Amino acid sequence: MKTSFSKIIAGDKPVLVDFFADWCGPCKTLAPILKDVKDELGEDIKIVKIDVDKNQSLATTYQVRGVPTMILYKNGKQVWRQSGVVQKRDLIQIIKSH
């Protein structure tokens, strides 16, 4: 997964990575928000969901200590990071600002 993850975040299109867990309540709240963001921004954003229980080494590598944690990448570089639920309009504003 690590090799392909590096390729996924390397593009010039912003990539929002959602580190989540199936048992996480706030993660369930965030899921439809991310869908709405993708529906609104379309091809301008790539959204990738990473299950921390199935990808523990990746979560450790990127120092994900709690879920949900979202990290926004542009050209392979982290440009924004936040844990917790972020509302749709705020998330869209963050993505557009990068």
C-alpha atoms as a PDB file:
ATOM      1  CA  MET A   1       0.000   0.000   0.000  1.00  0.00           C
ATOM      2  CA  LYS A   2       2.816   2.460   0.788  1.00  0.00           C
ATOM      3  CA  THR A   3       4.156   2.576  -2.765  1.00  0.00           C
ATOM      4  CA  SER A   4       0.748   3.125  -4.298  1.00  0.00           C
ATOM      5  CA  PHE A   5      -0.136   5.683  -1.579  1.00  0.00           C
ATOM      6  CA  SER A   6       2.905   7.750  -2.577  1.00  0.00           C
ATOM      7  CA  LYS A   7       1.735   7.637  -6.206  1.00  0.00           C
ATOM      8  CA  ILE A   8      -1.824   8.563  -5.228  1.00  0.00           C
ATOM      9  CA  ILE A   9      -0.783  11.741  -3.401  1.00  0.00           C
ATOM     10  CA  ALA A  10       1.845  12.776  -5.978  1.00  0.00           C
ATOM     11  CA  GLY A  11      -0.453  14.320  -8.587  1.00  0.00           C
ATOM     12  CA  ASP A  12      -1.028  18.023  -9.115  1.00  0.00           C
ATOM     13  CA  LYS A  13      -4.724  17.551  -8.331  1.00  0.00           C
ATOM     14  CA  PRO A  14      -5.452  17.994  -4.584  1.00  0.00           C
ATOM     15  CA  VAL A  15      -5.901  14.682  -2.771  1.00  0.00           C
ATOM     16  CA  LEU A  16      -7.898  14.572   0.453  1.00  0.00           C
ATOM     17  CA  VAL A  17      -7.057  11.490   2.499  1.00  0.00           C
ATOM     18  CA  ASP A  18      -9.570  10.445   5.143  1.00  0.00           C
ATOM     19  CA  PHE A  19      -8.089   8.145   7.783  1.00  0.00           C
ATOM     20  CA  PHE A  20     -11.095   6.439   9.368  1.00  0.00           C
ATOM     21  CA  ALA A  21     -12.287   3.370  11.273  1.00  0.00           C
ATOM     22  CA  ASP A  22     -15.522   1.398  10.919  1.00  0.00           C
ATOM     23  CA  TRP A  23     -16.208   1.637  14.670  1.00  0.00           C
ATOM     24  CA  CYS A  24     -15.777   5.440  14.755  1.00  0.00           C
ATOM     25  CA  GLY A  25     -18.972   7.490  15.189  1.00  0.00           C
ATOM     26  CA  PRO A  26     -17.552  10.813  13.916  1.00  0.00           C
ATOM     27  CA  CYS A  27     -16.167   8.931  10.876  1.00  0.00           C
ATOM     28  CA  LYS A  28     -19.718   7.870  10.023  1.00  0.00           C
ATOM     29  CA  THR A  29     -20.804  11.522  10.325  1.00  0.00           C
ATOM     30  CA  LEU A  30     -17.995  12.630   8.022  1.00  0.00           C
ATOM     31  CA  ALA A  31     -18.669  10.078   5.248  1.00  0.00           C
ATOM     32  CA  PRO A  32     -21.733  11.829   3.715  1.00  0.00           C
ATOM     33  CA  ILE A  33     -19.985  15.213   4.049  1.00  0.00           C
ATOM     34  CA  LEU A  34     -17.070  13.885   1.976  1.00  0.00           C
ATOM     35  CA  LYS A  35     -19.510  12.514  -0.602  1.00  0.00           C
ATOM     36  CA  ASP A  36     -21.158  15.943  -0.882  1.00  0.00           C
ATOM     37  CA  VAL A  37     -17.744  17.618  -1.244  1.00  0.00           C
ATOM     38  CA  LYS A  38     -16.816  15.194  -4.043  1.00  0.00           C
ATOM     39  CA  ASP A  39     -20.185  15.733  -5.728  1.00  0.00           C
ATOM     40  CA  GLU A  40     -19.675  19.507  -5.663  1.00  0.00           C
ATOM     41  CA  LEU A  41     -15.979  19.645  -6.635  1.00  0.00           C
ATOM     42  CA  GLY A  42     -16.018  16.663  -9.010  1.00  0.00           C
ATOM     43  CA  GLU A  43     -12.752  16.220 -10.909  1.00  0.00           C
ATOM     44  CA  ASP A  44     -11.061  19.059  -8.990  1.00  0.00           C
ATOM     45  CA  ILE A  45     -10.429  16.775  -5.989  1.00  0.00           C
ATOM     46  CA  LYS A  46      -9.526  13.169  -5.343  1.00  0.00           C
ATOM     47  CA  ILE A  47     -10.796  11.729  -2.052  1.00  0.00           C
ATOM     48  CA  VAL A  48      -9.168   8.601  -0.660  1.00  0.00           C
ATOM     49  CA  LYS A  49     -10.422   6.734   2.394  1.00  0.00           C
ATOM     50  CA  ILE A  50      -7.907   4.736   4.459  1.00  0.00           C
ATOM     51  CA  ASP A  51      -9.151   2.297   7.104  1.00  0.00           C
ATOM     52  CA  VAL A  52      -6.632   2.624   9.948  1.00  0.00           C
ATOM     53  CA  ASP A  53      -7.401  -0.870  11.244  1.00  0.00           C
ATOM     54  CA  LYS A  54      -6.526  -2.441   7.893  1.00  0.00           C
ATOM     55  CA  ASN A  55      -3.593  -0.081   7.202  1.00  0.00           C
ATOM     56  CA  GLN A  56      -1.953   0.369  10.595  1.00  0.00           C
ATOM     57  CA  SER A  57       1.551   0.857   9.189  1.00  0.00           C
ATOM     58  CA  LEU A  58       0.335   3.669   6.913  1.00  0.00           C
ATOM     59  CA  ALA A  59      -1.491   5.332   9.827  1.00  0.00           C
ATOM     60  CA  THR A  60       1.676   5.071  11.916  1.00  0.00           C
ATOM     61  CA  THR A  61       3.867   6.449   9.120  1.00  0.00           C
ATOM     62  CA  TYR A  62       1.637   9.528   8.796  1.00  0.00           C
ATOM     63  CA  GLN A  63       1.257   9.886  12.585  1.00  0.00           C
ATOM     64  CA  VAL A  64      -2.501   9.436  12.633  1.00  0.00           C
ATOM     65  CA  ARG A  65      -3.333   9.321  16.340  1.00  0.00           C
ATOM     66  CA  GLY A  66      -7.119   9.702  16.160  1.00  0.00           C
ATOM     67  CA  VAL A  67      -9.894   9.219  13.671  1.00  0.00           C
ATOM     68  CA  PRO A  68     -11.182  10.778  11.607  1.00  0.00           C
ATOM     69  CA  THR A  69      -8.021  12.553  10.477  1.00  0.00           C
ATOM     70  CA  MET A  70      -8.014  14.262   7.110  1.00  0.00           C
ATOM     71  CA  ILE A  71      -4.842  15.257   5.312  1.00  0.00           C
ATOM     72  CA  LEU A  72      -4.856  17.328   2.129  1.00  0.00           C
ATOM     73  CA  TYR A  73      -1.975  16.768  -0.283  1.00  0.00           C
ATOM     74  CA  LYS A  74      -0.951  18.799  -3.308  1.00  0.00           C
ATOM     75  CA  ASN A  75       1.965  17.617  -5.471  1.00  0.00           C
ATOM     76  CA  GLY A  76       2.796  14.982  -2.869  1.00  0.00           C
ATOM     77  CA  LYS A  77       3.165  17.544  -0.084  1.00  0.00           C
ATOM     78  CA  GLN A  78       0.906  17.873   2.933  1.00  0.00           C
ATOM     79  CA  VAL A  79      -0.778  21.295   2.803  1.00  0.00           C
ATOM     80  CA  TRP A  80      -3.463  20.859   5.491  1.00  0.00           C
ATOM     81  CA  ARG A  81      -4.334  18.416   8.246  1.00  0.00           C
ATOM     82  CA  GLN A  82      -7.106  18.175  10.817  1.00  0.00           C
ATOM     83  CA  SER A  83      -8.678  15.603  13.078  1.00  0.00           C
ATOM     84  CA  GLY A  84     -12.417  15.540  13.664  1.00  0.00           C
ATOM     85  CA  VAL A  85     -15.447  16.376  11.575  1.00  0.00           C
ATOM     86  CA  VAL A  86     -15.246  19.419   9.292  1.00  0.00           C
ATOM     87  CA  GLN A  87     -18.406  20.804   7.742  1.00  0.00           C
ATOM     88  CA  LYS A  88     -18.877  20.701   3.968  1.00  0.00           C
ATOM     89  CA  ARG A  89     -18.612  24.441   3.279  1.00  0.00           C
ATOM     90  CA  ASP A  90     -15.459  24.741   5.438  1.00  0.00           C
ATOM     91  CA  LEU A  91     -13.868  21.730   3.747  1.00  0.00           C
ATOM     92  CA  ILE A  92     -14.609  23.083   0.266  1.00  0.00           C
ATOM     93  CA  GLN A  93     -13.102  26.461   1.241  1.00  0.00           C
ATOM     94  CA  ILE A  94      -9.944  24.739   2.571  1.00  0.00           C
ATOM     95  CA  ILE A  95      -9.561  22.644  -0.594  1.00  0.00           C
ATOM     96  CA  LYS A  96     -10.079  25.638  -2.904  1.00  0.00           C
ATOM     97  CA  SER A  97      -7.544  27.714  -0.964  1.00  0.00           C
ATOM     98  CA  HIS A  98      -4.838  25.160  -1.838  1.00  0.00           C
END
